[in-house]
């Protein structure tokens, strides 16, 4: 089994899609209140899901420090959970939350030899 993408349900899909447009540097395909990025979808929902905002998204980037600086510049109100640092398990990463409180961890992508 492979995960083909992630869908986040929210009461304010337009606001969350705007946030992820900046983060992903990608414009979504929009159909009504559904916003589709390459690997992420955001959909409007009136229901509040049990356990909402309890899942972390794990992402990788070739330059964590540059991404961190860009997000701080382009999203001045971004909620930083933890700035870039070397974790006890060896990963160099930072953590932040989207406007709904969903958490995203971004780790330095390791070079492939």
PDB file of N, CA and C in Angstrom:
ATOM      1  N   UNK A   1       0.840  -1.176   0.000  1.00  0.00           N
ATOM      2  CA  UNK A   1       0.000   0.000   0.000  1.00  0.00           C
ATOM      3  C   UNK A   1       0.884   1.237   0.000  1.00  0.00           C
ATOM      4  N   UNK A   2       0.485   2.240  -0.774  1.00  0.00           N
ATOM      5  CA  UNK A   2       1.158   3.534  -0.803  1.00  0.00           C
ATOM      6  C   UNK A   2       0.136   4.616  -0.548  1.00  0.00           C
ATOM      7  N   UNK A   3       0.539   5.639   0.186  1.00  0.00           N
ATOM      8  CA  UNK A   3      -0.341   6.786   0.391  1.00  0.00           C
ATOM      9  C   UNK A   3      -0.255   7.667  -0.848  1.00  0.00           C
ATOM     10  N   UNK A   4      -1.397   7.981  -1.421  1.00  0.00           N
ATOM     11  CA  UNK A   4      -1.434   8.792  -2.626  1.00  0.00           C
ATOM     12  C   UNK A   4      -1.578  10.272  -2.366  1.00  0.00           C
ATOM     13  N   UNK A   5      -1.919  10.633  -1.139  1.00  0.00           N
ATOM     14  CA  UNK A   5      -2.087  12.030  -0.791  1.00  0.00           C
ATOM     15  C   UNK A   5      -2.799  12.150   0.542  1.00  0.00           C
ATOM     16  N   UNK A   6      -2.948  13.360   0.992  1.00  0.00           N
ATOM     17  CA  UNK A   6      -3.578  13.678   2.271  1.00  0.00           C
ATOM     18  C   UNK A   6      -4.708  14.669   2.005  1.00  0.00           C
ATOM     19  N   UNK A   7      -5.827  14.492   2.700  1.00  0.00           N
ATOM     20  CA  UNK A   7      -6.930  15.451   2.613  1.00  0.00           C
ATOM     21  C   UNK A   7      -7.194  16.006   4.008  1.00  0.00           C
ATOM     22  N   UNK A   8      -7.219  17.309   4.115  1.00  0.00           N
ATOM     23  CA  UNK A   8      -7.534  17.973   5.378  1.00  0.00           C
ATOM     24  C   UNK A   8      -8.916  18.605   5.247  1.00  0.00           C
ATOM     25  N   UNK A   9      -9.815  18.245   6.152  1.00  0.00           N
ATOM     26  CA  UNK A   9     -11.130  18.868   6.189  1.00  0.00           C
ATOM     27  C   UNK A   9     -11.075  20.054   7.142  1.00  0.00           C
ATOM     28  N   UNK A  10     -11.733  21.116   6.758  1.00  0.00           N
ATOM     29  CA  UNK A  10     -11.690  22.347   7.550  1.00  0.00           C
ATOM     30  C   UNK A  10     -12.973  23.137   7.354  1.00  0.00           C
ATOM     31  N   UNK A  11     -13.256  23.991   8.303  1.00  0.00           N
ATOM     32  CA  UNK A  11     -14.415  24.878   8.174  1.00  0.00           C
ATOM     33  C   UNK A  11     -14.114  26.066   7.257  1.00  0.00           C
ATOM     34  N   UNK A  12     -12.823  26.368   7.040  1.00  0.00           N
ATOM     35  CA  UNK A  12     -12.441  27.503   6.205  1.00  0.00           C
ATOM     36  C   UNK A  12     -11.406  27.050   5.170  1.00  0.00           C
ATOM     37  N   UNK A  13     -11.881  26.388   4.123  1.00  0.00           N
ATOM     38  CA  UNK A  13     -10.999  25.804   3.114  1.00  0.00           C
ATOM     39  C   UNK A  13     -10.203  26.872   2.363  1.00  0.00           C
ATOM     40  N   UNK A  14     -10.809  28.001   2.058  1.00  0.00           N
ATOM     41  CA  UNK A  14     -10.098  29.045   1.310  1.00  0.00           C
ATOM     42  C   UNK A  14      -8.903  29.568   2.096  1.00  0.00           C
ATOM     43  N   UNK A  15      -9.086  29.793   3.406  1.00  0.00           N
ATOM     44  CA  UNK A  15      -7.991  30.294   4.247  1.00  0.00           C
ATOM     45  C   UNK A  15      -6.853  29.272   4.317  1.00  0.00           C
ATOM     46  N   UNK A  16      -7.187  28.002   4.508  1.00  0.00           N
ATOM     47  CA  UNK A  16      -6.167  26.970   4.607  1.00  0.00           C
ATOM     48  C   UNK A  16      -5.471  26.761   3.262  1.00  0.00           C
ATOM     49  N   UNK A  17      -6.214  26.829   2.171  1.00  0.00           N
ATOM     50  CA  UNK A  17      -5.612  26.697   0.839  1.00  0.00           C
ATOM     51  C   UNK A  17      -4.644  27.839   0.559  1.00  0.00           C
ATOM     52  N   UNK A  18      -4.986  29.045   0.988  1.00  0.00           N
ATOM     53  CA  UNK A  18      -4.077  30.185   0.807  1.00  0.00           C
ATOM     54  C   UNK A  18      -2.770  29.960   1.579  1.00  0.00           C
ATOM     55  N   UNK A  19      -2.871  29.458   2.810  1.00  0.00           N
ATOM     56  CA  UNK A  19      -1.687  29.152   3.624  1.00  0.00           C
ATOM     57  C   UNK A  19      -0.808  28.116   2.923  1.00  0.00           C
ATOM     58  N   UNK A  20      -1.410  27.020   2.472  1.00  0.00           N
ATOM     59  CA  UNK A  20      -0.625  25.964   1.828  1.00  0.00           C
ATOM     60  C   UNK A  20      -0.105  26.383   0.451  1.00  0.00           C
ATOM     61  N   UNK A  21      -0.750  27.323  -0.213  1.00  0.00           N
ATOM     62  CA  UNK A  21      -0.205  27.855  -1.470  1.00  0.00           C
ATOM     63  C   UNK A  21       1.158  28.488  -1.232  1.00  0.00           C
ATOM     64  N   UNK A  22       1.284  29.219  -0.122  1.00  0.00           N
ATOM     65  CA  UNK A  22       2.567  29.842   0.231  1.00  0.00           C
ATOM     66  C   UNK A  22       3.571  28.771   0.641  1.00  0.00           C
ATOM     67  N   UNK A  23       3.162  27.863   1.516  1.00  0.00           N
ATOM     68  CA  UNK A  23       4.063  26.823   2.011  1.00  0.00           C
ATOM     69  C   UNK A  23       4.583  25.957   0.870  1.00  0.00           C
ATOM     70  N   UNK A  24       3.683  25.495   0.008  1.00  0.00           N
ATOM     71  CA  UNK A  24       4.052  24.572  -1.067  1.00  0.00           C
ATOM     72  C   UNK A  24       4.534  25.274  -2.337  1.00  0.00           C
ATOM     73  N   UNK A  25       4.386  26.582  -2.392  1.00  0.00           N
ATOM     74  CA  UNK A  25       4.691  27.363  -3.601  1.00  0.00           C
ATOM     75  C   UNK A  25       3.996  26.743  -4.818  1.00  0.00           C
ATOM     76  N   UNK A  26       2.708  26.531  -4.653  1.00  0.00           N
ATOM     77  CA  UNK A  26       1.903  25.858  -5.672  1.00  0.00           C
ATOM     78  C   UNK A  26       0.479  26.394  -5.599  1.00  0.00           C
ATOM     79  N   UNK A  27      -0.146  26.607  -6.739  1.00  0.00           N
ATOM     80  CA  UNK A  27      -1.536  27.028  -6.767  1.00  0.00           C
ATOM     81  C   UNK A  27      -2.427  25.787  -6.885  1.00  0.00           C
ATOM     82  N   UNK A  28      -3.493  25.712  -6.099  1.00  0.00           N
ATOM     83  CA  UNK A  28      -4.349  24.532  -6.155  1.00  0.00           C
ATOM     84  C   UNK A  28      -5.312  24.565  -7.328  1.00  0.00           C
ATOM     85  N   UNK A  29      -5.765  23.398  -7.707  1.00  0.00           N
ATOM     86  CA  UNK A  29      -6.894  23.266  -8.630  1.00  0.00           C
ATOM     87  C   UNK A  29      -8.133  23.401  -7.753  1.00  0.00           C
ATOM     88  N   UNK A  30      -9.043  24.288  -8.118  1.00  0.00           N
ATOM     89  CA  UNK A  30     -10.199  24.568  -7.265  1.00  0.00           C
ATOM     90  C   UNK A  30     -11.475  24.090  -7.940  1.00  0.00           C
ATOM     91  N   UNK A  31     -12.268  23.329  -7.183  1.00  0.00           N
ATOM     92  CA  UNK A  31     -13.604  22.921  -7.613  1.00  0.00           C
ATOM     93  C   UNK A  31     -14.539  23.189  -6.443  1.00  0.00           C
ATOM     94  N   UNK A  32     -15.268  24.276  -6.515  1.00  0.00           N
ATOM     95  CA  UNK A  32     -16.159  24.647  -5.424  1.00  0.00           C
ATOM     96  C   UNK A  32     -15.369  24.945  -4.164  1.00  0.00           C
ATOM     97  N   UNK A  33     -15.598  24.148  -3.119  1.00  0.00           N
ATOM     98  CA  UNK A  33     -14.887  24.338  -1.855  1.00  0.00           C
ATOM     99  C   UNK A  33     -13.827  23.254  -1.648  1.00  0.00           C
ATOM    100  N   UNK A  34     -13.357  22.675  -2.738  1.00  0.00           N
ATOM    101  CA  UNK A  34     -12.300  21.653  -2.686  1.00  0.00           C
ATOM    102  C   UNK A  34     -11.071  22.208  -3.405  1.00  0.00           C
ATOM    103  N   UNK A  35      -9.924  22.167  -2.722  1.00  0.00           N
ATOM    104  CA  UNK A  35      -8.663  22.690  -3.253  1.00  0.00           C
ATOM    105  C   UNK A  35      -7.672  21.536  -3.345  1.00  0.00           C
ATOM    106  N   UNK A  36      -7.188  21.249  -4.552  1.00  0.00           N
ATOM    107  CA  UNK A  36      -6.286  20.115  -4.748  1.00  0.00           C
ATOM    108  C   UNK A  36      -4.896  20.587  -5.150  1.00  0.00           C
ATOM    109  N   UNK A  37      -3.917  20.249  -4.313  1.00  0.00           N
ATOM    110  CA  UNK A  37      -2.502  20.451  -4.625  1.00  0.00           C
ATOM    111  C   UNK A  37      -1.975  19.104  -5.123  1.00  0.00           C
ATOM    112  N   UNK A  38      -0.688  19.022  -5.441  1.00  0.00           N
ATOM    113  CA  UNK A  38      -0.159  17.773  -5.981  1.00  0.00           C
ATOM    114  C   UNK A  38      -0.322  16.582  -5.039  1.00  0.00           C
ATOM    115  N   UNK A  39      -0.066  16.753  -3.749  1.00  0.00           N
ATOM    116  CA  UNK A  39      -0.176  15.638  -2.801  1.00  0.00           C
ATOM    117  C   UNK A  39      -1.078  15.958  -1.602  1.00  0.00           C
ATOM    118  N   UNK A  40      -1.757  17.084  -1.657  1.00  0.00           N
ATOM    119  CA  UNK A  40      -2.585  17.522  -0.537  1.00  0.00           C
ATOM    120  C   UNK A  40      -3.891  18.083  -1.071  1.00  0.00           C
ATOM    121  N   UNK A  41      -4.973  17.710  -0.430  1.00  0.00           N
ATOM    122  CA  UNK A  41      -6.280  18.277  -0.761  1.00  0.00           C
ATOM    123  C   UNK A  41      -6.850  18.931   0.490  1.00  0.00           C
ATOM    124  N   UNK A  42      -7.583  20.000   0.278  1.00  0.00           N
ATOM    125  CA  UNK A  42      -8.253  20.697   1.373  1.00  0.00           C
ATOM    126  C   UNK A  42      -9.711  20.806   0.978  1.00  0.00           C
ATOM    127  N   UNK A  43     -10.574  20.391   1.880  1.00  0.00           N
ATOM    128  CA  UNK A  43     -11.986  20.346   1.572  1.00  0.00           C
ATOM    129  C   UNK A  43     -12.798  20.967   2.702  1.00  0.00           C
ATOM    130  N   UNK A  44     -13.815  21.736   2.331  1.00  0.00           N
ATOM    131  CA  UNK A  44     -14.686  22.354   3.330  1.00  0.00           C
ATOM    132  C   UNK A  44     -15.572  21.297   3.966  1.00  0.00           C
ATOM    133  N   UNK A  45     -15.723  21.419   5.275  1.00  0.00           N
ATOM    134  CA  UNK A  45     -16.558  20.486   6.009  1.00  0.00           C
ATOM    135  C   UNK A  45     -17.158  21.212   7.206  1.00  0.00           C
ATOM    136  N   UNK A  46     -18.453  21.002   7.441  1.00  0.00           N
ATOM    137  CA  UNK A  46     -19.098  21.586   8.616  1.00  0.00           C
ATOM    138  C   UNK A  46     -18.906  20.705   9.840  1.00  0.00           C
ATOM    139  N   UNK A  47     -18.632  19.427   9.603  1.00  0.00           N
ATOM    140  CA  UNK A  47     -18.471  18.492  10.721  1.00  0.00           C
ATOM    141  C   UNK A  47     -17.109  18.677  11.363  1.00  0.00           C
ATOM    142  N   UNK A  48     -17.082  18.591  12.675  1.00  0.00           N
ATOM    143  CA  UNK A  48     -15.797  18.642  13.351  1.00  0.00           C
ATOM    144  C   UNK A  48     -15.423  17.214  13.700  1.00  0.00           C
ATOM    145  N   UNK A  49     -14.350  16.750  13.091  1.00  0.00           N
ATOM    146  CA  UNK A  49     -13.932  15.357  13.230  1.00  0.00           C
ATOM    147  C   UNK A  49     -13.345  15.081  14.608  1.00  0.00           C
ATOM    148  N   UNK A  50     -13.672  13.909  15.119  1.00  0.00           N
ATOM    149  CA  UNK A  50     -13.095  13.482  16.399  1.00  0.00           C
ATOM    150  C   UNK A  50     -11.598  13.327  16.213  1.00  0.00           C
ATOM    151  N   UNK A  51     -10.822  13.892  17.113  1.00  0.00           N
ATOM    152  CA  UNK A  51      -9.371  13.778  17.020  1.00  0.00           C
ATOM    153  C   UNK A  51      -8.766  14.709  15.989  1.00  0.00           C
ATOM    154  N   UNK A  52      -9.517  15.697  15.533  1.00  0.00           N
ATOM    155  CA  UNK A  52      -8.985  16.633  14.539  1.00  0.00           C
ATOM    156  C   UNK A  52      -7.720  17.292  15.066  1.00  0.00           C
ATOM    157  N   UNK A  53      -6.820  17.607  14.184  1.00  0.00           N
ATOM    158  CA  UNK A  53      -5.570  18.292  14.489  1.00  0.00           C
ATOM    159  C   UNK A  53      -4.614  17.441  15.325  1.00  0.00           C
ATOM    160  N   UNK A  54      -4.766  16.122  15.296  1.00  0.00           N
ATOM    161  CA  UNK A  54      -3.898  15.261  16.087  1.00  0.00           C
ATOM    162  C   UNK A  54      -2.893  14.505  15.219  1.00  0.00           C
ATOM    163  N   UNK A  55      -2.848  14.804  13.932  1.00  0.00           N
ATOM    164  CA  UNK A  55      -1.937  14.120  13.025  1.00  0.00           C
ATOM    165  C   UNK A  55      -0.835  15.079  12.597  1.00  0.00           C
ATOM    166  N   UNK A  56       0.375  14.585  12.584  1.00  0.00           N
ATOM    167  CA  UNK A  56       1.511  15.356  12.085  1.00  0.00           C
ATOM    168  C   UNK A  56       1.770  14.957  10.641  1.00  0.00           C
ATOM    169  N   UNK A  57       2.050  15.932   9.785  1.00  0.00           N
ATOM    170  CA  UNK A  57       2.510  15.669   8.430  1.00  0.00           C
ATOM    171  C   UNK A  57       4.028  15.726   8.453  1.00  0.00           C
ATOM    172  N   UNK A  58       4.677  14.748   7.855  1.00  0.00           N
ATOM    173  CA  UNK A  58       6.145  14.718   7.794  1.00  0.00           C
ATOM    174  C   UNK A  58       6.557  15.061   6.368  1.00  0.00           C
ATOM    175  N   UNK A  59       7.378  16.090   6.232  1.00  0.00           N
ATOM    176  CA  UNK A  59       7.837  16.538   4.927  1.00  0.00           C
ATOM    177  C   UNK A  59       9.362  16.613   4.928  1.00  0.00           C
ATOM    178  N   UNK A  60       9.937  16.671   3.734  1.00  0.00           N
ATOM    179  CA  UNK A  60      11.382  16.777   3.587  1.00  0.00           C
ATOM    180  C   UNK A  60      11.706  17.932   2.659  1.00  0.00           C
ATOM    181  N   UNK A  61      12.834  18.588   2.894  1.00  0.00           N
ATOM    182  CA  UNK A  61      13.295  19.670   2.037  1.00  0.00           C
ATOM    183  C   UNK A  61      14.815  19.632   1.978  1.00  0.00           C
ATOM    184  N   UNK A  62      15.370  20.008   0.843  1.00  0.00           N
ATOM    185  CA  UNK A  62      16.823  19.982   0.658  1.00  0.00           C
ATOM    186  C   UNK A  62      17.533  21.031   1.501  1.00  0.00           C
ATOM    187  N   UNK A  63      16.853  22.134   1.839  1.00  0.00           N
ATOM    188  CA  UNK A  63      17.474  23.205   2.621  1.00  0.00           C
ATOM    189  C   UNK A  63      16.490  23.708   3.673  1.00  0.00           C
ATOM    190  N   UNK A  64      16.489  23.068   4.812  1.00  0.00           N
ATOM    191  CA  UNK A  64      15.564  23.396   5.896  1.00  0.00           C
ATOM    192  C   UNK A  64      15.706  24.849   6.343  1.00  0.00           C
ATOM    193  N   UNK A  65      16.940  25.337   6.463  1.00  0.00           N
ATOM    194  CA  UNK A  65      17.145  26.714   6.920  1.00  0.00           C
ATOM    195  C   UNK A  65      16.561  27.733   5.947  1.00  0.00           C
ATOM    196  N   UNK A  66      16.742  27.500   4.655  1.00  0.00           N
ATOM    197  CA  UNK A  66      16.190  28.421   3.654  1.00  0.00           C
ATOM    198  C   UNK A  66      14.664  28.385   3.660  1.00  0.00           C
ATOM    199  N   UNK A  67      14.077  27.207   3.775  1.00  0.00           N
ATOM    200  CA  UNK A  67      12.621  27.093   3.828  1.00  0.00           C
ATOM    201  C   UNK A  67      12.083  27.784   5.078  1.00  0.00           C
ATOM    202  N   UNK A  68      12.721  27.568   6.211  1.00  0.00           N
ATOM    203  CA  UNK A  68      12.324  28.199   7.465  1.00  0.00           C
ATOM    204  C   UNK A  68      12.338  29.732   7.319  1.00  0.00           C
ATOM    205  N   UNK A  69      13.410  30.275   6.767  1.00  0.00           N
ATOM    206  CA  UNK A  69      13.525  31.726   6.573  1.00  0.00           C
ATOM    207  C   UNK A  69      12.440  32.237   5.630  1.00  0.00           C
ATOM    208  N   UNK A  70      12.178  31.505   4.544  1.00  0.00           N
ATOM    209  CA  UNK A  70      11.144  31.922   3.585  1.00  0.00           C
ATOM    210  C   UNK A  70       9.774  31.950   4.239  1.00  0.00           C
ATOM    211  N   UNK A  71       9.442  30.911   5.003  1.00  0.00           N
ATOM    212  CA  UNK A  71       8.127  30.863   5.642  1.00  0.00           C
ATOM    213  C   UNK A  71       7.962  31.977   6.672  1.00  0.00           C
ATOM    214  N   UNK A  72       9.005  32.262   7.438  1.00  0.00           N
ATOM    215  CA  UNK A  72       8.929  33.371   8.399  1.00  0.00           C
ATOM    216  C   UNK A  72       8.705  34.701   7.687  1.00  0.00           C
ATOM    217  N   UNK A  73       9.331  34.869   6.521  1.00  0.00           N
ATOM    218  CA  UNK A  73       9.188  36.112   5.754  1.00  0.00           C
ATOM    219  C   UNK A  73       7.807  36.213   5.105  1.00  0.00           C
ATOM    220  N   UNK A  74       7.355  35.127   4.469  1.00  0.00           N
ATOM    221  CA  UNK A  74       6.109  35.169   3.706  1.00  0.00           C
ATOM    222  C   UNK A  74       4.860  34.954   4.557  1.00  0.00           C
ATOM    223  N   UNK A  75       5.021  34.325   5.721  1.00  0.00           N
ATOM    224  CA  UNK A  75       3.894  34.076   6.620  1.00  0.00           C
ATOM    225  C   UNK A  75       4.261  34.578   8.020  1.00  0.00           C
ATOM    226  N   UNK A  76       4.265  35.887   8.233  1.00  0.00           N
ATOM    227  CA  UNK A  76       4.747  36.439   9.505  1.00  0.00           C
ATOM    228  C   UNK A  76       3.990  35.934  10.734  1.00  0.00           C
ATOM    229  N   UNK A  77       2.759  35.471  10.573  1.00  0.00           N
ATOM    230  CA  UNK A  77       1.976  34.985  11.712  1.00  0.00           C
ATOM    231  C   UNK A  77       2.068  33.469  11.877  1.00  0.00           C
ATOM    232  N   UNK A  78       2.972  32.815  11.153  1.00  0.00           N
ATOM    233  CA  UNK A  78       3.083  31.363  11.228  1.00  0.00           C
ATOM    234  C   UNK A  78       3.397  30.923  12.656  1.00  0.00           C
ATOM    235  N   UNK A  79       2.756  29.849  13.085  1.00  0.00           N
ATOM    236  CA  UNK A  79       3.006  29.310  14.426  1.00  0.00           C
ATOM    237  C   UNK A  79       4.163  28.317  14.345  1.00  0.00           C
ATOM    238  N   UNK A  80       5.309  28.719  14.857  1.00  0.00           N
ATOM    239  CA  UNK A  80       6.483  27.844  14.902  1.00  0.00           C
ATOM    240  C   UNK A  80       6.422  27.052  16.202  1.00  0.00           C
ATOM    241  N   UNK A  81       6.437  25.757  16.098  1.00  0.00           N
ATOM    242  CA  UNK A  81       6.421  24.887  17.271  1.00  0.00           C
ATOM    243  C   UNK A  81       7.847  24.680  17.769  1.00  0.00           C
ATOM    244  N   UNK A  82       8.772  24.493  16.818  1.00  0.00           N
ATOM    245  CA  UNK A  82      10.177  24.304  17.168  1.00  0.00           C
ATOM    246  C   UNK A  82      11.035  24.763  15.990  1.00  0.00           C
ATOM    247  N   UNK A  83      11.995  25.658  16.226  1.00  0.00           N
ATOM    248  CA  UNK A  83      12.860  26.129  15.141  1.00  0.00           C
ATOM    249  C   UNK A  83      13.807  25.017  14.677  1.00  0.00           C
ATOM    250  N   UNK A  84      14.523  25.256  13.580  1.00  0.00           N
ATOM    251  CA  UNK A  84      15.446  24.230  13.094  1.00  0.00           C
ATOM    252  C   UNK A  84      16.479  23.845  14.151  1.00  0.00           C
ATOM    253  N   UNK A  85      16.605  22.552  14.340  1.00  0.00           N
ATOM    254  CA  UNK A  85      17.621  22.035  15.259  1.00  0.00           C
ATOM    255  C   UNK A  85      17.861  20.559  14.966  1.00  0.00           C
ATOM    256  N   UNK A  86      18.988  20.073  15.431  1.00  0.00           N
ATOM    257  CA  UNK A  86      19.317  18.651  15.303  1.00  0.00           C
ATOM    258  C   UNK A  86      18.566  17.910  16.409  1.00  0.00           C
ATOM    259  N   UNK A  87      17.756  16.943  16.034  1.00  0.00           N
ATOM    260  CA  UNK A  87      16.948  16.177  16.990  1.00  0.00           C
ATOM    261  C   UNK A  87      17.785  15.028  17.573  1.00  0.00           C
ATOM    262  N   UNK A  88      17.396  14.508  18.741  1.00  0.00           N
ATOM    263  CA  UNK A  88      18.147  13.408  19.360  1.00  0.00           C
ATOM    264  C   UNK A  88      18.273  12.180  18.459  1.00  0.00           C
ATOM    265  N   UNK A  89      17.324  11.983  17.539  1.00  0.00           N
ATOM    266  CA  UNK A  89      17.363  10.829  16.640  1.00  0.00           C
ATOM    267  C   UNK A  89      18.161  11.124  15.363  1.00  0.00           C
ATOM    268  N   UNK A  90      18.752  12.333  15.282  1.00  0.00           N
ATOM    269  CA  UNK A  90      19.648  12.666  14.180  1.00  0.00           C
ATOM    270  C   UNK A  90      19.088  13.578  13.109  1.00  0.00           C
ATOM    271  N   UNK A  91      17.789  13.714  13.036  1.00  0.00           N
ATOM    272  CA  UNK A  91      17.188  14.553  11.992  1.00  0.00           C
ATOM    273  C   UNK A  91      17.421  16.030  12.295  1.00  0.00           C
ATOM    274  N   UNK A  92      17.653  16.821  11.244  1.00  0.00           N
ATOM    275  CA  UNK A  92      17.696  18.279  11.351  1.00  0.00           C
ATOM    276  C   UNK A  92      16.354  18.763  10.831  1.00  0.00           C
ATOM    277  N   UNK A  93      15.533  19.374  11.703  1.00  0.00           N
ATOM    278  CA  UNK A  93      14.171  19.705  11.299  1.00  0.00           C
ATOM    279  C   UNK A  93      13.615  20.894  12.075  1.00  0.00           C
ATOM    280  N   UNK A  94      12.489  21.408  11.554  1.00  0.00           N
ATOM    281  CA  UNK A  94      11.684  22.381  12.297  1.00  0.00           C
ATOM    282  C   UNK A  94      10.233  21.959  12.191  1.00  0.00           C
ATOM    283  N   UNK A  95       9.432  22.473  13.116  1.00  0.00           N
ATOM    284  CA  UNK A  95       8.027  22.100  13.186  1.00  0.00           C
ATOM    285  C   UNK A  95       7.173  23.353  13.243  1.00  0.00           C
ATOM    286  N   UNK A  96       6.038  23.320  12.534  1.00  0.00           N
ATOM    287  CA  UNK A  96       5.117  24.452  12.560  1.00  0.00           C
ATOM    288  C   UNK A  96       3.689  23.945  12.464  1.00  0.00           C
ATOM    289  N   UNK A  97       2.728  24.850  12.669  1.00  0.00           N
ATOM    290  CA  UNK A  97       1.309  24.497  12.585  1.00  0.00           C
ATOM    291  C   UNK A  97       0.640  25.365  11.538  1.00  0.00           C
ATOM    292  N   UNK A  98      -0.374  24.784  10.887  1.00  0.00           N
ATOM    293  CA  UNK A  98      -1.159  25.571   9.941  1.00  0.00           C
ATOM    294  C   UNK A  98      -2.226  26.342  10.720  1.00  0.00           C
ATOM    295  N   UNK A  99      -3.008  27.203  10.066  1.00  0.00           N
ATOM    296  CA  UNK A  99      -3.986  28.019  10.791  1.00  0.00           C
ATOM    297  C   UNK A  99      -5.044  27.217  11.554  1.00  0.00           C
ATOM    298  N   UNK A 100      -5.276  25.949  11.178  1.00  0.00           N
ATOM    299  CA  UNK A 100      -6.227  25.107  11.898  1.00  0.00           C
ATOM    300  C   UNK A 100      -5.578  24.334  13.044  1.00  0.00           C
ATOM    301  N   UNK A 101      -4.255  24.432  13.167  1.00  0.00           N
ATOM    302  CA  UNK A 101      -3.558  23.713  14.227  1.00  0.00           C
ATOM    303  C   UNK A 101      -2.978  22.384  13.800  1.00  0.00           C
ATOM    304  N   UNK A 102      -3.124  22.002  12.525  1.00  0.00           N
ATOM    305  CA  UNK A 102      -2.484  20.788  12.026  1.00  0.00           C
ATOM    306  C   UNK A 102      -0.976  21.007  12.062  1.00  0.00           C
ATOM    307  N   UNK A 103      -0.231  19.997  12.425  1.00  0.00           N
ATOM    308  CA  UNK A 103       1.210  20.154  12.615  1.00  0.00           C
ATOM    309  C   UNK A 103       2.005  19.557  11.464  1.00  0.00           C
ATOM    310  N   UNK A 104       3.084  20.259  11.106  1.00  0.00           N
ATOM    311  CA  UNK A 104       3.944  19.844   9.994  1.00  0.00           C
ATOM    312  C   UNK A 104       5.381  19.831  10.483  1.00  0.00           C
ATOM    313  N   UNK A 105       6.058  18.716  10.263  1.00  0.00           N
ATOM    314  CA  UNK A 105       7.484  18.600  10.568  1.00  0.00           C
ATOM    315  C   UNK A 105       8.224  18.576   9.237  1.00  0.00           C
ATOM    316  N   UNK A 106       9.261  19.388   9.113  1.00  0.00           N
ATOM    317  CA  UNK A 106      10.062  19.424   7.893  1.00  0.00           C
ATOM    318  C   UNK A 106      11.494  19.051   8.263  1.00  0.00           C
ATOM    319  N   UNK A 107      11.962  17.938   7.708  1.00  0.00           N
ATOM    320  CA  UNK A 107      13.317  17.456   7.980  1.00  0.00           C
ATOM    321  C   UNK A 107      14.196  17.668   6.757  1.00  0.00           C
ATOM    322  N   UNK A 108      15.477  17.869   7.024  1.00  0.00           N
ATOM    323  CA  UNK A 108      16.456  18.014   5.949  1.00  0.00           C
ATOM    324  C   UNK A 108      16.497  16.712   5.149  1.00  0.00           C
ATOM    325  N   UNK A 109      16.326  16.819   3.846  1.00  0.00           N
ATOM    326  CA  UNK A 109      16.417  15.642   2.987  1.00  0.00           C
ATOM    327  C   UNK A 109      17.865  15.210   2.903  1.00  0.00           C
ATOM    328  N   UNK A 110      18.084  13.927   3.070  1.00  0.00           N
ATOM    329  CA  UNK A 110      19.452  13.408   2.979  1.00  0.00           C
ATOM    330  C   UNK A 110      19.845  13.274   1.521  1.00  0.00           C
ATOM    331  N   UNK A 111      21.104  13.560   1.241  1.00  0.00           N
ATOM    332  CA  UNK A 111      21.607  13.429  -0.130  1.00  0.00           C
ATOM    333  C   UNK A 111      21.673  11.970  -0.516  1.00  0.00           C
ATOM    334  N   UNK A 112      21.264  11.682  -1.723  1.00  0.00           N
ATOM    335  CA  UNK A 112      21.326  10.319  -2.262  1.00  0.00           C
ATOM    336  C   UNK A 112      22.659  10.114  -2.942  1.00  0.00           C
ATOM    337  N   UNK A 113      23.333   9.003  -2.646  1.00  0.00           N
ATOM    338  CA  UNK A 113      24.607   8.757  -3.325  1.00  0.00           C
ATOM    339  C   UNK A 113      24.463   7.779  -4.442  1.00  0.00           C
TER     340      UNK A 113
END
